């Protein structure tokens, strides 16, 4: 089984696997559906996404609801692992591959979505800090 990593940006998702396969889809509902179809043919131990300031939230919820083993990883931790493996360059495709390596090597706690009241409280706290 592969580890799968997804580098999330505002407009697109770059997907990479430990065996070198890649996919690029839009960060939208139609892109999520295409990703779900692709993932059905690529079983994974874990699917790891970086925390990217909220852009990852819709795809996290979608993958969780679809029954995939999805994880949100700390961005600094993922970057340090990539550097430790000798990956100095930083592109979306390379980041997806590094996240796939993280998925294969490190057992991370599964994503659990927040309750609606918890999400609302988080928004209030974020607004207050700003």
N, C-alpha and C. Protein backbone atom coordinates (compact mmCIF):
# COMPACT_ATOMS: atom_id res chain seq x y z
N UNK A 1 0.83 -1.20 0.00
CA UNK A 1 0.00 0.00 0.00
C UNK A 1 0.87 1.25 0.00
N UNK A 2 0.41 2.24 -0.69
CA UNK A 2 1.11 3.51 -0.83
C UNK A 2 0.78 4.48 0.28
N UNK A 3 1.67 5.43 0.46
CA UNK A 3 1.35 6.64 1.18
C UNK A 3 0.99 7.66 0.12
N UNK A 4 0.02 8.50 0.40
CA UNK A 4 -0.40 9.52 -0.54
C UNK A 4 -0.30 10.87 0.15
N UNK A 5 0.28 11.84 -0.55
CA UNK A 5 0.40 13.19 -0.04
C UNK A 5 -0.32 14.15 -0.97
N UNK A 6 -0.95 15.15 -0.38
CA UNK A 6 -1.66 16.16 -1.17
C UNK A 6 -1.17 17.54 -0.75
N UNK A 7 -0.57 18.25 -1.70
CA UNK A 7 -0.17 19.63 -1.46
C UNK A 7 -1.35 20.51 -1.87
N UNK A 8 -1.86 21.29 -0.93
CA UNK A 8 -3.07 22.08 -1.14
C UNK A 8 -2.70 23.54 -1.37
N UNK A 9 -3.25 24.11 -2.41
CA UNK A 9 -3.15 25.55 -2.64
C UNK A 9 -4.56 26.08 -2.87
N UNK A 10 -4.68 27.38 -3.03
CA UNK A 10 -5.99 28.00 -3.18
C UNK A 10 -6.73 27.45 -4.40
N UNK A 11 -6.02 27.24 -5.49
CA UNK A 11 -6.66 26.84 -6.75
C UNK A 11 -6.58 25.35 -7.08
N UNK A 12 -5.56 24.65 -6.58
CA UNK A 12 -5.40 23.26 -7.01
C UNK A 12 -4.85 22.36 -5.92
N UNK A 13 -4.98 21.06 -6.18
CA UNK A 13 -4.44 20.02 -5.31
C UNK A 13 -3.43 19.24 -6.13
N UNK A 14 -2.21 19.14 -5.63
CA UNK A 14 -1.19 18.31 -6.26
C UNK A 14 -1.05 17.05 -5.42
N UNK A 15 -1.30 15.92 -6.06
CA UNK A 15 -1.30 14.63 -5.36
C UNK A 15 -0.10 13.83 -5.80
N UNK A 16 0.57 13.20 -4.83
CA UNK A 16 1.71 12.35 -5.13
C UNK A 16 1.66 11.08 -4.30
N UNK A 17 2.24 10.02 -4.83
CA UNK A 17 2.29 8.75 -4.11
C UNK A 17 3.75 8.36 -3.90
N UNK A 18 3.97 7.42 -3.01
CA UNK A 18 5.33 6.96 -2.74
C UNK A 18 5.94 6.24 -3.93
N UNK A 19 5.11 5.72 -4.83
CA UNK A 19 5.66 5.05 -6.01
C UNK A 19 5.79 5.99 -7.21
N UNK A 20 5.63 7.31 -6.98
CA UNK A 20 5.92 8.29 -8.02
C UNK A 20 4.76 8.72 -8.89
N UNK A 21 3.56 8.19 -8.68
CA UNK A 21 2.42 8.63 -9.48
C UNK A 21 1.94 10.00 -9.00
N UNK A 22 1.43 10.80 -9.93
CA UNK A 22 0.96 12.14 -9.58
C UNK A 22 -0.39 12.41 -10.21
N UNK A 23 -1.07 13.39 -9.63
CA UNK A 23 -2.36 13.85 -10.14
C UNK A 23 -2.49 15.31 -9.74
N UNK A 24 -3.12 16.08 -10.61
CA UNK A 24 -3.38 17.48 -10.28
C UNK A 24 -4.85 17.75 -10.60
N UNK A 25 -5.58 18.23 -9.58
CA UNK A 25 -7.00 18.55 -9.75
C UNK A 25 -7.26 19.93 -9.14
N UNK A 26 -8.40 20.50 -9.49
CA UNK A 26 -8.74 21.80 -8.93
C UNK A 26 -9.21 21.63 -7.48
N UNK A 27 -9.04 22.68 -6.70
CA UNK A 27 -9.48 22.68 -5.30
C UNK A 27 -10.94 23.12 -5.27
N UNK A 28 -11.80 22.23 -5.77
CA UNK A 28 -13.24 22.50 -5.87
C UNK A 28 -13.99 21.17 -5.76
N UNK A 29 -15.30 21.25 -5.68
CA UNK A 29 -16.11 20.03 -5.58
C UNK A 29 -15.87 19.08 -6.74
N UNK A 30 -15.76 19.60 -7.95
CA UNK A 30 -15.54 18.72 -9.10
C UNK A 30 -14.15 18.07 -9.01
N UNK A 31 -13.16 18.84 -8.54
CA UNK A 31 -11.83 18.28 -8.35
C UNK A 31 -11.82 17.21 -7.27
N UNK A 32 -12.60 17.42 -6.20
CA UNK A 32 -12.69 16.43 -5.12
C UNK A 32 -13.28 15.13 -5.64
N UNK A 33 -14.30 15.23 -6.49
CA UNK A 33 -14.92 14.03 -7.05
C UNK A 33 -13.93 13.27 -7.93
N UNK A 34 -13.15 14.01 -8.73
CA UNK A 34 -12.12 13.39 -9.56
C UNK A 34 -11.05 12.71 -8.69
N UNK A 35 -10.67 13.38 -7.62
CA UNK A 35 -9.69 12.83 -6.68
C UNK A 35 -10.23 11.56 -6.03
N UNK A 36 -11.48 11.57 -5.61
CA UNK A 36 -12.09 10.40 -4.98
C UNK A 36 -12.08 9.21 -5.93
N UNK A 37 -12.41 9.44 -7.18
CA UNK A 37 -12.40 8.38 -8.19
C UNK A 37 -10.97 7.84 -8.37
N UNK A 38 -9.99 8.72 -8.42
CA UNK A 38 -8.59 8.31 -8.58
C UNK A 38 -8.12 7.51 -7.37
N UNK A 39 -8.51 7.95 -6.16
CA UNK A 39 -8.09 7.27 -4.93
C UNK A 39 -8.65 5.86 -4.82
N UNK A 40 -9.79 5.60 -5.42
CA UNK A 40 -10.37 4.27 -5.37
C UNK A 40 -9.46 3.24 -6.05
N UNK A 41 -8.67 3.68 -7.01
CA UNK A 41 -7.73 2.79 -7.68
C UNK A 41 -6.34 2.79 -7.07
N UNK A 42 -6.16 3.58 -6.01
CA UNK A 42 -4.86 3.71 -5.36
C UNK A 42 -5.04 3.59 -3.84
N UNK A 43 -5.13 2.36 -3.33
CA UNK A 43 -5.31 2.21 -1.88
C UNK A 43 -4.12 2.80 -1.12
N UNK A 44 -4.41 3.42 0.02
CA UNK A 44 -3.36 4.11 0.77
C UNK A 44 -3.45 3.77 2.25
N UNK A 45 -2.28 3.74 2.88
CA UNK A 45 -2.21 3.59 4.33
C UNK A 45 -2.76 4.85 4.98
N UNK A 46 -2.30 5.99 4.51
CA UNK A 46 -2.75 7.30 4.99
C UNK A 46 -2.71 8.27 3.82
N UNK A 47 -3.54 9.28 3.89
CA UNK A 47 -3.48 10.41 2.97
C UNK A 47 -3.15 11.62 3.82
N UNK A 48 -2.01 12.25 3.56
CA UNK A 48 -1.54 13.35 4.39
C UNK A 48 -1.64 14.67 3.63
N UNK A 49 -2.23 15.66 4.29
CA UNK A 49 -2.30 17.03 3.78
C UNK A 49 -1.65 17.94 4.80
N UNK A 50 -1.05 19.02 4.34
CA UNK A 50 -0.50 20.02 5.24
C UNK A 50 -1.59 21.00 5.65
N UNK A 51 -1.45 21.53 6.84
CA UNK A 51 -2.31 22.63 7.25
C UNK A 51 -1.87 23.87 6.47
N UNK A 52 -2.79 24.45 5.69
CA UNK A 52 -2.43 25.57 4.81
C UNK A 52 -3.38 26.75 5.01
N UNK A 53 -3.62 27.12 6.23
CA UNK A 53 -4.41 28.32 6.50
C UNK A 53 -5.88 28.21 6.14
N UNK A 54 -6.41 27.02 6.09
CA UNK A 54 -7.83 26.84 5.83
C UNK A 54 -8.17 26.34 4.44
N UNK A 55 -7.24 26.44 3.49
CA UNK A 55 -7.53 25.95 2.13
C UNK A 55 -7.72 24.44 2.11
N UNK A 56 -7.18 23.75 3.11
CA UNK A 56 -7.27 22.29 3.15
C UNK A 56 -8.59 21.80 3.74
N UNK A 57 -9.33 22.65 4.43
CA UNK A 57 -10.51 22.21 5.18
C UNK A 57 -11.58 21.54 4.31
N UNK A 58 -11.98 22.13 3.17
CA UNK A 58 -13.01 21.46 2.36
C UNK A 58 -12.60 20.07 1.87
N UNK A 59 -11.35 19.91 1.42
CA UNK A 59 -10.93 18.59 0.93
C UNK A 59 -10.77 17.61 2.09
N UNK A 60 -10.34 18.09 3.25
CA UNK A 60 -10.27 17.21 4.43
C UNK A 60 -11.64 16.65 4.77
N UNK A 61 -12.62 17.54 4.83
CA UNK A 61 -13.98 17.09 5.16
C UNK A 61 -14.53 16.14 4.10
N UNK A 62 -14.26 16.46 2.83
CA UNK A 62 -14.74 15.60 1.75
C UNK A 62 -14.15 14.20 1.85
N UNK A 63 -12.82 14.13 2.00
CA UNK A 63 -12.15 12.83 2.07
C UNK A 63 -12.56 12.04 3.31
N UNK A 64 -12.72 12.73 4.43
CA UNK A 64 -13.16 12.06 5.65
C UNK A 64 -14.57 11.48 5.46
N UNK A 65 -15.47 12.27 4.90
CA UNK A 65 -16.84 11.80 4.67
C UNK A 65 -16.91 10.68 3.65
N UNK A 66 -15.92 10.64 2.73
CA UNK A 66 -15.87 9.56 1.74
C UNK A 66 -15.24 8.29 2.29
N UNK A 67 -14.72 8.35 3.54
CA UNK A 67 -14.18 7.15 4.18
C UNK A 67 -12.70 6.91 3.95
N UNK A 68 -11.97 7.91 3.48
CA UNK A 68 -10.54 7.75 3.27
C UNK A 68 -9.78 8.04 4.56
N UNK A 69 -8.64 7.37 4.78
CA UNK A 69 -7.84 7.60 5.99
C UNK A 69 -7.00 8.88 5.85
N UNK A 70 -7.60 10.00 6.16
CA UNK A 70 -6.97 11.30 5.91
C UNK A 70 -6.41 11.89 7.20
N UNK A 71 -5.30 12.62 7.06
CA UNK A 71 -4.57 13.21 8.18
C UNK A 71 -4.18 14.64 7.82
N UNK A 72 -4.30 15.56 8.78
CA UNK A 72 -3.76 16.91 8.60
C UNK A 72 -2.45 16.98 9.37
N UNK A 73 -1.36 17.25 8.65
CA UNK A 73 -0.03 17.27 9.27
C UNK A 73 0.42 18.70 9.51
N UNK A 74 1.24 18.86 10.52
CA UNK A 74 1.87 20.13 10.81
C UNK A 74 2.84 20.45 9.67
N UNK A 75 2.72 21.66 9.10
CA UNK A 75 3.53 22.03 7.93
C UNK A 75 5.03 22.05 8.25
N UNK A 76 5.39 22.54 9.41
CA UNK A 76 6.81 22.59 9.77
C UNK A 76 7.38 21.18 9.94
N UNK A 77 6.62 20.31 10.56
CA UNK A 77 7.06 18.93 10.74
C UNK A 77 7.26 18.24 9.39
N UNK A 78 6.33 18.46 8.46
CA UNK A 78 6.45 17.86 7.13
C UNK A 78 7.67 18.41 6.39
N UNK A 79 7.91 19.71 6.51
CA UNK A 79 9.07 20.32 5.84
C UNK A 79 10.39 19.78 6.42
N UNK A 80 10.44 19.65 7.72
CA UNK A 80 11.66 19.12 8.36
C UNK A 80 11.93 17.68 7.93
N UNK A 81 10.88 16.87 7.79
CA UNK A 81 11.05 15.51 7.32
C UNK A 81 11.61 15.50 5.90
N UNK A 82 11.06 16.37 5.04
CA UNK A 82 11.54 16.46 3.66
C UNK A 82 13.01 16.86 3.63
N UNK A 83 13.39 17.83 4.46
CA UNK A 83 14.79 18.25 4.52
C UNK A 83 15.67 17.13 5.03
N UNK A 84 15.18 16.37 6.00
CA UNK A 84 15.93 15.25 6.53
C UNK A 84 16.15 14.15 5.50
N UNK A 85 15.25 14.06 4.52
CA UNK A 85 15.40 13.08 3.44
C UNK A 85 16.23 13.64 2.29
N UNK A 86 16.74 14.87 2.47
CA UNK A 86 17.60 15.45 1.46
C UNK A 86 16.89 16.27 0.40
N UNK A 87 15.61 16.54 0.58
CA UNK A 87 14.85 17.31 -0.40
C UNK A 87 14.95 18.79 -0.05
N UNK A 88 15.78 19.49 -0.76
CA UNK A 88 16.01 20.91 -0.49
C UNK A 88 15.03 21.77 -1.29
N UNK A 89 14.81 21.42 -2.55
CA UNK A 89 13.90 22.18 -3.41
C UNK A 89 12.48 22.10 -2.88
N UNK A 90 11.69 23.12 -3.21
CA UNK A 90 10.31 23.16 -2.72
C UNK A 90 9.38 23.56 -3.86
N UNK A 91 8.71 22.57 -4.43
CA UNK A 91 7.67 22.81 -5.43
C UNK A 91 6.44 22.06 -4.98
N UNK A 92 5.31 22.35 -5.59
CA UNK A 92 4.07 21.67 -5.20
C UNK A 92 4.16 20.16 -5.39
N UNK A 93 4.72 19.74 -6.51
CA UNK A 93 4.84 18.31 -6.79
C UNK A 93 5.80 17.62 -5.82
N UNK A 94 6.93 18.27 -5.53
CA UNK A 94 7.88 17.71 -4.56
C UNK A 94 7.30 17.68 -3.15
N UNK A 95 6.53 18.71 -2.79
CA UNK A 95 5.87 18.72 -1.48
C UNK A 95 4.87 17.57 -1.37
N UNK A 96 4.13 17.30 -2.44
CA UNK A 96 3.18 16.19 -2.42
C UNK A 96 3.91 14.86 -2.23
N UNK A 97 5.05 14.71 -2.90
CA UNK A 97 5.84 13.48 -2.75
C UNK A 97 6.38 13.36 -1.32
N UNK A 98 6.85 14.48 -0.74
CA UNK A 98 7.36 14.45 0.63
C UNK A 98 6.24 14.09 1.61
N UNK A 99 5.04 14.60 1.37
CA UNK A 99 3.91 14.25 2.23
C UNK A 99 3.54 12.78 2.08
N UNK A 100 3.68 12.25 0.86
CA UNK A 100 3.43 10.81 0.64
C UNK A 100 4.44 9.98 1.42
N UNK A 101 5.69 10.42 1.43
CA UNK A 101 6.71 9.72 2.21
C UNK A 101 6.37 9.77 3.70
N UNK A 102 5.90 10.92 4.14
CA UNK A 102 5.49 11.05 5.55
C UNK A 102 4.34 10.09 5.85
N UNK A 103 3.40 9.97 4.91
CA UNK A 103 2.26 9.06 5.10
C UNK A 103 2.72 7.62 5.22
N UNK A 104 3.75 7.25 4.47
CA UNK A 104 4.24 5.87 4.50
C UNK A 104 5.10 5.59 5.72
N UNK A 105 5.81 6.60 6.22
CA UNK A 105 6.77 6.37 7.29
C UNK A 105 6.26 6.64 8.71
N UNK A 106 5.35 7.61 8.85
CA UNK A 106 4.94 8.07 10.17
C UNK A 106 3.45 7.83 10.39
N UNK A 107 3.11 7.13 11.44
CA UNK A 107 1.70 6.93 11.76
C UNK A 107 1.20 8.18 12.49
N UNK A 108 0.29 8.90 11.85
CA UNK A 108 -0.24 10.14 12.39
C UNK A 108 -1.69 9.94 12.84
N UNK A 109 -2.15 10.75 13.79
CA UNK A 109 -3.55 10.61 14.23
C UNK A 109 -4.52 11.02 13.12
N UNK A 110 -5.55 10.23 12.92
CA UNK A 110 -6.55 10.50 11.89
C UNK A 110 -7.28 11.80 12.14
N UNK A 111 -7.69 12.42 11.05
CA UNK A 111 -8.45 13.66 11.12
C UNK A 111 -9.85 13.38 11.69
N UNK A 112 -10.25 14.18 12.64
CA UNK A 112 -11.59 14.13 13.19
C UNK A 112 -12.20 15.52 13.04
N UNK A 113 -13.27 15.66 12.27
CA UNK A 113 -13.85 16.99 12.06
C UNK A 113 -14.42 17.56 13.36
N UNK A 114 -14.37 18.88 13.45
CA UNK A 114 -14.93 19.56 14.61
C UNK A 114 -16.45 19.61 14.51
N UNK A 115 -17.07 19.69 15.67
CA UNK A 115 -18.51 19.90 15.72
C UNK A 115 -18.79 21.32 15.22
N UNK A 116 -19.99 21.57 14.70
CA UNK A 116 -20.31 22.92 14.20
C UNK A 116 -20.07 24.03 15.23
N UNK A 117 -20.41 23.79 16.49
CA UNK A 117 -20.20 24.82 17.50
C UNK A 117 -18.71 25.08 17.74
N UNK A 118 -17.89 24.04 17.59
CA UNK A 118 -16.45 24.20 17.75
C UNK A 118 -15.85 25.02 16.60
N UNK A 119 -16.35 24.80 15.40
CA UNK A 119 -15.89 25.59 14.26
C UNK A 119 -16.23 27.06 14.43
N UNK A 120 -17.46 27.31 14.90
CA UNK A 120 -17.89 28.69 15.12
C UNK A 120 -17.02 29.35 16.19
N UNK A 121 -16.74 28.63 17.26
CA UNK A 121 -15.89 29.17 18.32
C UNK A 121 -14.49 29.47 17.80
N UNK A 122 -13.96 28.60 16.95
CA UNK A 122 -12.64 28.81 16.36
C UNK A 122 -12.63 30.09 15.52
N UNK A 123 -13.71 30.32 14.77
CA UNK A 123 -13.81 31.55 13.97
C UNK A 123 -13.81 32.78 14.86
N UNK A 124 -14.53 32.72 15.98
CA UNK A 124 -14.56 33.85 16.91
C UNK A 124 -13.17 34.12 17.49
N UNK A 125 -12.48 33.07 17.88
CA UNK A 125 -11.14 33.21 18.46
C UNK A 125 -10.18 33.79 17.42
N UNK A 126 -10.26 33.29 16.19
CA UNK A 126 -9.39 33.80 15.12
C UNK A 126 -9.66 35.29 14.86
N UNK A 127 -10.93 35.66 14.81
CA UNK A 127 -11.28 37.07 14.60
C UNK A 127 -10.79 37.93 15.76
N UNK A 128 -10.90 37.43 16.96
CA UNK A 128 -10.45 38.19 18.14
C UNK A 128 -8.95 38.40 18.12
N UNK A 129 -8.20 37.38 17.71
CA UNK A 129 -6.74 37.51 17.65
C UNK A 129 -6.29 38.51 16.59
N UNK A 130 -7.07 38.64 15.53
CA UNK A 130 -6.70 39.58 14.48
C UNK A 130 -6.95 40.99 14.92
